[in-house]
Amino acid sequence: MLISPAPACRQPLESQRH
């Protein structure tokens, strides 16, 4: 999670949009 801040930020963004 700490190593992949880009994908981690994208996951929550996609979940909120859905």
N, C-alpha and C. Protein backbone atom coordinates (compact mmCIF):
# COMPACT_ATOMS: atom_id res chain seq x y z
N MET A 1 0.84 -1.21 0.00
CA MET A 1 0.00 0.00 0.00
C MET A 1 0.87 1.26 0.00
N LEU A 2 1.90 1.24 0.85
CA LEU A 2 2.79 2.41 0.93
C LEU A 2 3.70 2.47 -0.29
N ILE A 3 3.94 1.29 -0.87
CA ILE A 3 4.84 1.24 -2.04
C ILE A 3 4.09 1.69 -3.31
N SER A 4 2.78 1.48 -3.31
CA SER A 4 2.01 1.86 -4.51
C SER A 4 0.96 2.92 -4.17
N PRO A 5 1.39 4.17 -4.04
CA PRO A 5 0.49 5.26 -3.69
C PRO A 5 -0.39 5.66 -4.88
N ALA A 6 0.11 5.45 -6.08
CA ALA A 6 -0.65 5.82 -7.30
C ALA A 6 -1.89 4.92 -7.44
N PRO A 7 -1.74 3.62 -7.44
CA PRO A 7 -2.85 2.69 -7.57
C PRO A 7 -3.78 2.77 -6.36
N ALA A 8 -3.23 3.00 -5.20
CA ALA A 8 -4.04 3.08 -3.97
C ALA A 8 -4.97 4.29 -4.06
N CYS A 9 -4.51 5.38 -4.62
CA CYS A 9 -5.33 6.59 -4.73
C CYS A 9 -6.39 6.39 -5.83
N ARG A 10 -6.08 5.56 -6.79
CA ARG A 10 -7.01 5.33 -7.91
C ARG A 10 -8.15 4.41 -7.47
N GLN A 11 -7.85 3.46 -6.62
CA GLN A 11 -8.88 2.51 -6.17
C GLN A 11 -10.04 3.22 -5.46
N PRO A 12 -9.74 4.06 -4.47
CA PRO A 12 -10.78 4.78 -3.72
C PRO A 12 -11.55 5.74 -4.63
N LEU A 13 -10.89 6.29 -5.60
CA LEU A 13 -11.54 7.25 -6.51
C LEU A 13 -12.56 6.51 -7.38
N GLU A 14 -12.20 5.33 -7.84
CA GLU A 14 -13.11 4.55 -8.69
C GLU A 14 -14.29 4.03 -7.88
N SER A 15 -14.04 3.72 -6.61
CA SER A 15 -15.11 3.19 -5.75
C SER A 15 -16.14 4.29 -5.47
N GLN A 16 -15.66 5.52 -5.28
CA GLN A 16 -16.58 6.63 -4.99
C GLN A 16 -17.40 6.97 -6.24
N ARG A 17 -16.80 6.85 -7.40
CA ARG A 17 -17.49 7.18 -8.65
C ARG A 17 -18.61 6.17 -8.91
N HIS A 18 -18.33 4.92 -8.62
CA HIS A 18 -19.33 3.87 -8.85
C HIS A 18 -20.47 4.10 -7.87
